[in-house]
Amino acid sequence: MSQIFSLLRTVQPPISVMLEGRQSTKTTTGNPKVLFNRYGQTDYLEAIETSTGNSVNIQSSAAEKLAAKKGAPEPHSVPAK
């Protein structure tokens, strides 16, 4: 499980985040999941795939762009609930 999901589940009161994204043209499997790029020990949200086959790409943050200059990402995903 991603560290960020683990953190968000334990924070009281619950917190919300706003993200900037755009609809993706990528074909999905229809299994909902959340995709991340890992640089070193830090995960950055890349995209969200829905059960309807749609996906949303999340705009890279300044921190992720800086991390990308230091090396290639290690993509990984977790199933969405």
PDB file of N, CA and C in Angstrom:
ATOM      1  N   MET A   1       0.844  -1.175   0.000  1.00  0.00           N
ATOM      2  CA  MET A   1       0.000   0.000   0.000  1.00  0.00           C
ATOM      3  C   MET A   1       0.888   1.236   0.000  1.00  0.00           C
ATOM      4  N   SER A   2       0.518   2.218  -0.764  1.00  0.00           N
ATOM      5  CA  SER A   2       1.279   3.452  -0.828  1.00  0.00           C
ATOM      6  C   SER A   2       1.315   4.145   0.530  1.00  0.00           C
ATOM      7  N   GLN A   3       2.438   4.749   0.830  1.00  0.00           N
ATOM      8  CA  GLN A   3       2.587   5.446   2.102  1.00  0.00           C
ATOM      9  C   GLN A   3       1.563   6.569   2.244  1.00  0.00           C
ATOM     10  N   ILE A   4       1.238   7.241   1.149  1.00  0.00           N
ATOM     11  CA  ILE A   4       0.300   8.361   1.242  1.00  0.00           C
ATOM     12  C   ILE A   4      -1.090   7.870   1.619  1.00  0.00           C
ATOM     13  N   PHE A   5      -1.525   6.728   1.074  1.00  0.00           N
ATOM     14  CA  PHE A   5      -2.833   6.200   1.448  1.00  0.00           C
ATOM     15  C   PHE A   5      -2.848   5.792   2.903  1.00  0.00           C
ATOM     16  N   SER A   6      -1.767   5.200   3.353  1.00  0.00           N
ATOM     17  CA  SER A   6      -1.669   4.815   4.750  1.00  0.00           C
ATOM     18  C   SER A   6      -1.780   6.044   5.644  1.00  0.00           C
ATOM     19  N   LEU A   7      -1.105   7.107   5.274  1.00  0.00           N
ATOM     20  CA  LEU A   7      -1.157   8.354   6.035  1.00  0.00           C
ATOM     21  C   LEU A   7      -2.560   8.943   6.016  1.00  0.00           C
ATOM     22  N   LEU A   8      -3.187   9.019   4.851  1.00  0.00           N
ATOM     23  CA  LEU A   8      -4.510   9.632   4.745  1.00  0.00           C
ATOM     24  C   LEU A   8      -5.557   8.868   5.541  1.00  0.00           C
ATOM     25  N   ARG A   9      -5.396   7.572   5.690  1.00  0.00           N
ATOM     26  CA  ARG A   9      -6.362   6.791   6.454  1.00  0.00           C
ATOM     27  C   ARG A   9      -6.256   7.048   7.952  1.00  0.00           C
ATOM     28  N   THR A  10      -5.096   7.507   8.423  1.00  0.00           N
ATOM     29  CA  THR A  10      -4.902   7.685   9.859  1.00  0.00           C
ATOM     30  C   THR A  10      -5.036   9.131  10.316  1.00  0.00           C
ATOM     31  N   VAL A  11      -5.111  10.069   9.395  1.00  0.00           N
ATOM     32  CA  VAL A  11      -5.204  11.485   9.763  1.00  0.00           C
ATOM     33  C   VAL A  11      -6.610  11.785  10.279  1.00  0.00           C
ATOM     34  N   GLN A  12      -6.690  12.428  11.435  1.00  0.00           N
ATOM     35  CA  GLN A  12      -7.974  12.839  12.001  1.00  0.00           C
ATOM     36  C   GLN A  12      -7.909  14.316  12.337  1.00  0.00           C
ATOM     37  N   PRO A  13      -8.793  15.144  11.929  1.00  0.00           N
ATOM     38  CA  PRO A  13      -9.905  14.841  11.044  1.00  0.00           C
ATOM     39  C   PRO A  13      -9.409  14.552   9.627  1.00  0.00           C
ATOM     40  N   PRO A  14     -10.238  13.889   8.817  1.00  0.00           N
ATOM     41  CA  PRO A  14      -9.838  13.578   7.440  1.00  0.00           C
ATOM     42  C   PRO A  14      -9.466  14.851   6.682  1.00  0.00           C
ATOM     43  N   ILE A  15      -8.553  14.718   5.736  1.00  0.00           N
ATOM     44  CA  ILE A  15      -8.136  15.868   4.940  1.00  0.00           C
ATOM     45  C   ILE A  15      -8.547  15.686   3.483  1.00  0.00           C
ATOM     46  N   SER A  16      -8.594  16.770   2.754  1.00  0.00           N
ATOM     47  CA  SER A  16      -8.914  16.744   1.328  1.00  0.00           C
ATOM     48  C   SER A  16      -7.790  17.424   0.560  1.00  0.00           C
ATOM     49  N   VAL A  17      -7.629  17.007  -0.669  1.00  0.00           N
ATOM     50  CA  VAL A  17      -6.644  17.637  -1.542  1.00  0.00           C
ATOM     51  C   VAL A  17      -7.300  17.935  -2.879  1.00  0.00           C
ATOM     52  N   MET A  18      -6.863  19.006  -3.499  1.00  0.00           N
ATOM     53  CA  MET A  18      -7.325  19.342  -4.833  1.00  0.00           C
ATOM     54  C   MET A  18      -6.166  19.117  -5.789  1.00  0.00           C
ATOM     55  N   LEU A  19      -6.453  18.458  -6.898  1.00  0.00           N
ATOM     56  CA  LEU A  19      -5.430  18.143  -7.882  1.00  0.00           C
ATOM     57  C   LEU A  19      -5.851  18.672  -9.238  1.00  0.00           C
ATOM     58  N   GLU A  20      -4.880  19.045 -10.025  1.00  0.00           N
ATOM     59  CA  GLU A  20      -5.174  19.464 -11.384  1.00  0.00           C
ATOM     60  C   GLU A  20      -4.883  18.289 -12.306  1.00  0.00           C
ATOM     61  N   GLY A  21      -5.862  17.935 -13.115  1.00  0.00           N
ATOM     62  CA  GLY A  21      -5.688  16.797 -14.013  1.00  0.00           C
ATOM     63  C   GLY A  21      -6.413  17.022 -15.321  1.00  0.00           C
ATOM     64  N   ARG A  22      -6.232  16.081 -16.227  1.00  0.00           N
ATOM     65  CA  ARG A  22      -6.918  16.141 -17.515  1.00  0.00           C
ATOM     66  C   ARG A  22      -7.262  14.725 -17.947  1.00  0.00           C
ATOM     67  N   GLN A  23      -8.320  14.594 -18.726  1.00  0.00           N
ATOM     68  CA  GLN A  23      -8.727  13.278 -19.184  1.00  0.00           C
ATOM     69  C   GLN A  23      -7.635  12.693 -20.056  1.00  0.00           C
ATOM     70  N   SER A  24      -7.383  11.412 -19.859  1.00  0.00           N
ATOM     71  CA  SER A  24      -6.346  10.721 -20.614  1.00  0.00           C
ATOM     72  C   SER A  24      -6.953  10.027 -21.820  1.00  0.00           C
ATOM     73  N   THR A  25      -6.163   9.866 -22.854  1.00  0.00           N
ATOM     74  CA  THR A  25      -6.592   9.107 -24.026  1.00  0.00           C
ATOM     75  C   THR A  25      -6.143   7.653 -23.917  1.00  0.00           C
ATOM     76  N   LYS A  26      -5.452   7.324 -22.827  1.00  0.00           N
ATOM     77  CA  LYS A  26      -4.943   5.975 -22.597  1.00  0.00           C
ATOM     78  C   LYS A  26      -6.098   5.005 -22.355  1.00  0.00           C
ATOM     79  N   THR A  27      -6.034   3.846 -22.997  1.00  0.00           N
ATOM     80  CA  THR A  27      -7.028   2.803 -22.783  1.00  0.00           C
ATOM     81  C   THR A  27      -6.715   2.091 -21.479  1.00  0.00           C
ATOM     82  N   THR A  28      -7.745   1.851 -20.682  1.00  0.00           N
ATOM     83  CA  THR A  28      -7.548   1.194 -19.391  1.00  0.00           C
ATOM     84  C   THR A  28      -8.180  -0.191 -19.403  1.00  0.00           C
ATOM     85  N   THR A  29      -7.880  -0.955 -18.375  1.00  0.00           N
ATOM     86  CA  THR A  29      -8.388  -2.327 -18.268  1.00  0.00           C
ATOM     87  C   THR A  29      -9.794  -2.400 -17.687  1.00  0.00           C
ATOM     88  N   GLY A  30     -10.266  -1.294 -17.130  1.00  0.00           N
ATOM     89  CA  GLY A  30     -11.580  -1.305 -16.479  1.00  0.00           C
ATOM     90  C   GLY A  30     -11.488  -1.646 -15.007  1.00  0.00           C
ATOM     91  N   ASN A  31     -10.290  -1.958 -14.526  1.00  0.00           N
ATOM     92  CA  ASN A  31     -10.084  -2.194 -13.099  1.00  0.00           C
ATOM     93  C   ASN A  31      -9.616  -0.889 -12.473  1.00  0.00           C
ATOM     94  N   PRO A  32     -10.358  -0.352 -11.512  1.00  0.00           N
ATOM     95  CA  PRO A  32      -9.960   0.935 -10.936  1.00  0.00           C
ATOM     96  C   PRO A  32      -8.634   0.822 -10.185  1.00  0.00           C
ATOM     97  N   LYS A  33      -7.737   1.759 -10.441  1.00  0.00           N
ATOM     98  CA  LYS A  33      -6.461   1.787  -9.735  1.00  0.00           C
ATOM     99  C   LYS A  33      -5.876   3.187  -9.747  1.00  0.00           C
ATOM    100  N   VAL A  34      -4.955   3.397  -8.841  1.00  0.00           N
ATOM    101  CA  VAL A  34      -4.265   4.668  -8.705  1.00  0.00           C
ATOM    102  C   VAL A  34      -2.804   4.419  -9.075  1.00  0.00           C
ATOM    103  N   LEU A  35      -2.278   5.226 -10.000  1.00  0.00           N
ATOM    104  CA  LEU A  35      -0.919   5.038 -10.494  1.00  0.00           C
ATOM    105  C   LEU A  35       0.013   6.102  -9.925  1.00  0.00           C
ATOM    106  N   PHE A  36       1.207   5.671  -9.576  1.00  0.00           N
ATOM    107  CA  PHE A  36       2.210   6.551  -8.988  1.00  0.00           C
ATOM    108  C   PHE A  36       3.529   6.446  -9.734  1.00  0.00           C
ATOM    109  N   ASN A  37       4.335   7.476  -9.627  1.00  0.00           N
ATOM    110  CA  ASN A  37       5.739   7.448 -10.012  1.00  0.00           C
ATOM    111  C   ASN A  37       6.536   7.581  -8.732  1.00  0.00           C
ATOM    112  N   ARG A  38       7.505   6.690  -8.534  1.00  0.00           N
ATOM    113  CA  ARG A  38       8.349   6.754  -7.337  1.00  0.00           C
ATOM    114  C   ARG A  38       9.740   7.221  -7.749  1.00  0.00           C
ATOM    115  N   TYR A  39      10.183   8.258  -7.090  1.00  0.00           N
ATOM    116  CA  TYR A  39      11.549   8.757  -7.241  1.00  0.00           C
ATOM    117  C   TYR A  39      12.199   8.609  -5.878  1.00  0.00           C
ATOM    118  N   GLY A  40      13.211   7.734  -5.788  1.00  0.00           N
ATOM    119  CA  GLY A  40      13.822   7.486  -4.492  1.00  0.00           C
ATOM    120  C   GLY A  40      12.800   6.852  -3.571  1.00  0.00           C
ATOM    121  N   GLN A  41      12.495   7.513  -2.463  1.00  0.00           N
ATOM    122  CA  GLN A  41      11.527   6.986  -1.504  1.00  0.00           C
ATOM    123  C   GLN A  41      10.213   7.766  -1.506  1.00  0.00           C
ATOM    124  N   THR A  42      10.037   8.646  -2.505  1.00  0.00           N
ATOM    125  CA  THR A  42       8.854   9.502  -2.550  1.00  0.00           C
ATOM    126  C   THR A  42       7.950   9.119  -3.709  1.00  0.00           C
ATOM    127  N   ASP A  43       6.648   8.967  -3.430  1.00  0.00           N
ATOM    128  CA  ASP A  43       5.652   8.663  -4.452  1.00  0.00           C
ATOM    129  C   ASP A  43       4.958   9.941  -4.904  1.00  0.00           C
ATOM    130  N   TYR A  44       4.737  10.032  -6.213  1.00  0.00           N
ATOM    131  CA  TYR A  44       4.001  11.156  -6.796  1.00  0.00           C
ATOM    132  C   TYR A  44       2.834  10.582  -7.592  1.00  0.00           C
ATOM    133  N   LEU A  45       1.644  11.112  -7.360  1.00  0.00           N
ATOM    134  CA  LEU A  45       0.443  10.649  -8.048  1.00  0.00           C
ATOM    135  C   LEU A  45       0.548  10.959  -9.534  1.00  0.00           C
ATOM    136  N   GLU A  46       0.367   9.938 -10.375  1.00  0.00           N
ATOM    137  CA  GLU A  46       0.459  10.113 -11.824  1.00  0.00           C
ATOM    138  C   GLU A  46      -0.913  10.122 -12.494  1.00  0.00           C
ATOM    139  N   ALA A  47      -1.764   9.151 -12.135  1.00  0.00           N
ATOM    140  CA  ALA A  47      -3.058   9.029 -12.808  1.00  0.00           C
ATOM    141  C   ALA A  47      -4.023   8.204 -11.963  1.00  0.00           C
ATOM    142  N   ILE A  48      -5.297   8.304 -12.322  1.00  0.00           N
ATOM    143  CA  ILE A  48      -6.351   7.508 -11.701  1.00  0.00           C
ATOM    144  C   ILE A  48      -7.126   6.844 -12.827  1.00  0.00           C
ATOM    145  N   GLU A  49      -7.264   5.521 -12.749  1.00  0.00           N
ATOM    146  CA  GLU A  49      -8.054   4.779 -13.727  1.00  0.00           C
ATOM    147  C   GLU A  49      -9.341   4.326 -13.056  1.00  0.00           C
ATOM    148  N   THR A  50     -10.467   4.485 -13.746  1.00  0.00           N
ATOM    149  CA  THR A  50     -11.766   4.146 -13.174  1.00  0.00           C
ATOM    150  C   THR A  50     -12.262   2.798 -13.683  1.00  0.00           C
ATOM    151  N   SER A  51     -13.322   2.318 -13.072  1.00  0.00           N
ATOM    152  CA  SER A  51     -13.912   1.043 -13.490  1.00  0.00           C
ATOM    153  C   SER A  51     -14.640   1.158 -14.826  1.00  0.00           C
ATOM    154  N   THR A  52     -14.905   2.376 -15.276  1.00  0.00           N
ATOM    155  CA  THR A  52     -15.591   2.570 -16.556  1.00  0.00           C
ATOM    156  C   THR A  52     -14.622   2.631 -17.731  1.00  0.00           C
ATOM    157  N   GLY A  53     -13.329   2.488 -17.455  1.00  0.00           N
ATOM    158  CA  GLY A  53     -12.338   2.511 -18.524  1.00  0.00           C
ATOM    159  C   GLY A  53     -11.773   3.888 -18.800  1.00  0.00           C
ATOM    160  N   ASN A  54     -12.232   4.892 -18.069  1.00  0.00           N
ATOM    161  CA  ASN A  54     -11.691   6.243 -18.226  1.00  0.00           C
ATOM    162  C   ASN A  54     -10.479   6.421 -17.322  1.00  0.00           C
ATOM    163  N   SER A  55      -9.643   7.385 -17.659  1.00  0.00           N
ATOM    164  CA  SER A  55      -8.530   7.689 -16.767  1.00  0.00           C
ATOM    165  C   SER A  55      -8.265   9.189 -16.783  1.00  0.00           C
ATOM    166  N   VAL A  56      -7.690   9.649 -15.690  1.00  0.00           N
ATOM    167  CA  VAL A  56      -7.351  11.057 -15.528  1.00  0.00           C
ATOM    168  C   VAL A  56      -5.866  11.139 -15.199  1.00  0.00           C
ATOM    169  N   ASN A  57      -5.121  11.912 -15.984  1.00  0.00           N
ATOM    170  CA  ASN A  57      -3.711  12.160 -15.702  1.00  0.00           C
ATOM    171  C   ASN A  57      -3.609  13.348 -14.766  1.00  0.00           C
ATOM    172  N   ILE A  58      -2.749  13.232 -13.771  1.00  0.00           N
ATOM    173  CA  ILE A  58      -2.538  14.305 -12.810  1.00  0.00           C
ATOM    174  C   ILE A  58      -1.334  15.129 -13.248  1.00  0.00           C
ATOM    175  N   GLN A  59      -1.474  16.436 -13.223  1.00  0.00           N
ATOM    176  CA  GLN A  59      -0.381  17.317 -13.621  1.00  0.00           C
ATOM    177  C   GLN A  59       0.781  17.165 -12.638  1.00  0.00           C
ATOM    178  N   SER A  60       1.993  17.047 -13.176  1.00  0.00           N
ATOM    179  CA  SER A  60       3.190  16.904 -12.334  1.00  0.00           C
ATOM    180  C   SER A  60       3.427  18.165 -11.519  1.00  0.00           C
ATOM    181  N   SER A  61       3.778  17.958 -10.258  1.00  0.00           N
ATOM    182  CA  SER A  61       4.081  19.087  -9.376  1.00  0.00           C
ATOM    183  C   SER A  61       5.513  19.564  -9.618  1.00  0.00           C
ATOM    184  N   ALA A  62       5.825  20.723  -9.079  1.00  0.00           N
ATOM    185  CA  ALA A  62       7.191  21.246  -9.170  1.00  0.00           C
ATOM    186  C   ALA A  62       8.169  20.289  -8.493  1.00  0.00           C
ATOM    187  N   ALA A  63       7.768  19.698  -7.374  1.00  0.00           N
ATOM    188  CA  ALA A  63       8.629  18.765  -6.653  1.00  0.00           C
ATOM    189  C   ALA A  63       8.907  17.521  -7.495  1.00  0.00           C
ATOM    190  N   GLU A  64       7.896  17.023  -8.196  1.00  0.00           N
ATOM    191  CA  GLU A  64       8.108  15.849  -9.041  1.00  0.00           C
ATOM    192  C   GLU A  64       9.018  16.188 -10.217  1.00  0.00           C
ATOM    193  N   LYS A  65       8.831  17.344 -10.809  1.00  0.00           N
ATOM    194  CA  LYS A  65       9.694  17.754 -11.924  1.00  0.00           C
ATOM    195  C   LYS A  65      11.147  17.850 -11.479  1.00  0.00           C
ATOM    196  N   LEU A  66      11.376  18.343 -10.277  1.00  0.00           N
ATOM    197  CA  LEU A  66      12.729  18.424  -9.728  1.00  0.00           C
ATOM    198  C   LEU A  66      13.292  17.018  -9.498  1.00  0.00           C
ATOM    199  N   ALA A  67      12.482  16.121  -8.946  1.00  0.00           N
ATOM    200  CA  ALA A  67      12.918  14.743  -8.711  1.00  0.00           C
ATOM    201  C   ALA A  67      13.237  14.038 -10.028  1.00  0.00           C
ATOM    202  N   ALA A  68      12.472  14.336 -11.076  1.00  0.00           N
ATOM    203  CA  ALA A  68      12.679  13.702 -12.380  1.00  0.00           C
ATOM    204  C   ALA A  68      14.025  14.085 -12.993  1.00  0.00           C
ATOM    205  N   LYS A  69      14.537  15.241 -12.636  1.00  0.00           N
ATOM    206  CA  LYS A  69      15.847  15.658 -13.148  1.00  0.00           C
ATOM    207  C   LYS A  69      16.970  14.808 -12.558  1.00  0.00           C
ATOM    208  N   LYS A  70      16.699  14.156 -11.426  1.00  0.00           N
ATOM    209  CA  LYS A  70      17.719  13.367 -10.733  1.00  0.00           C
ATOM    210  C   LYS A  70      17.695  11.888 -11.113  1.00  0.00           C
ATOM    211  N   GLY A  71      16.658  11.444 -11.812  1.00  0.00           N
ATOM    212  CA  GLY A  71      16.585  10.039 -12.195  1.00  0.00           C
ATOM    213  C   GLY A  71      15.241   9.657 -12.758  1.00  0.00           C
ATOM    214  N   ALA A  72      15.179   8.442 -13.282  1.00  0.00           N
ATOM    215  CA  ALA A  72      13.946   7.926 -13.887  1.00  0.00           C
ATOM    216  C   ALA A  72      12.984   7.442 -12.809  1.00  0.00           C
ATOM    217  N   PRO A  73      11.680   7.555 -13.079  1.00  0.00           N
ATOM    218  CA  PRO A  73      10.698   7.084 -12.088  1.00  0.00           C
ATOM    219  C   PRO A  73      10.563   5.581 -12.092  1.00  0.00           C
ATOM    220  N   GLU A  74      10.083   5.064 -10.984  1.00  0.00           N
ATOM    221  CA  GLU A  74       9.714   3.660 -10.870  1.00  0.00           C
ATOM    222  C   GLU A  74       8.186   3.633 -10.778  1.00  0.00           C
ATOM    223  N   PRO A  75       7.484   3.358 -11.903  1.00  0.00           N
ATOM    224  CA  PRO A  75       6.020   3.350 -11.883  1.00  0.00           C
ATOM    225  C   PRO A  75       5.474   2.195 -11.049  1.00  0.00           C
ATOM    226  N   HIS A  76       4.387   2.430 -10.343  1.00  0.00           N
ATOM    227  CA  HIS A  76       3.678   1.371  -9.631  1.00  0.00           C
ATOM    228  C   HIS A  76       2.235   1.811  -9.412  1.00  0.00           C
ATOM    229  N   SER A  77       1.390   0.864  -9.070  1.00  0.00           N
ATOM    230  CA  SER A  77      -0.027   1.197  -8.874  1.00  0.00           C
ATOM    231  C   SER A  77      -0.593   0.410  -7.686  1.00  0.00           C
ATOM    232  N   VAL A  78      -1.719   0.898  -7.198  1.00  0.00           N
ATOM    233  CA  VAL A  78      -2.467   0.209  -6.149  1.00  0.00           C
ATOM    234  C   VAL A  78      -3.932   0.149  -6.592  1.00  0.00           C
ATOM    235  N   PRO A  79      -4.636  -0.928  -6.259  1.00  0.00           N
ATOM    236  CA  PRO A  79      -6.053  -1.012  -6.617  1.00  0.00           C
ATOM    237  C   PRO A  79      -6.850   0.065  -5.870  1.00  0.00           C
ATOM    238  N   ALA A  80      -7.805   0.653  -6.561  1.00  0.00           N
ATOM    239  CA  ALA A  80      -8.692   1.637  -5.927  1.00  0.00           C
ATOM    240  C   ALA A  80      -9.871   0.899  -5.298  1.00  0.00           C
ATOM    241  N   LYS A  81     -10.433   1.482  -4.268  1.00  0.00           N
ATOM    242  CA  LYS A  81     -11.581   0.872  -3.591  1.00  0.00           C
ATOM    243  C   LYS A  81     -12.788   1.738  -3.734  1.00  0.00           C
TER     244      LYS A  81
END
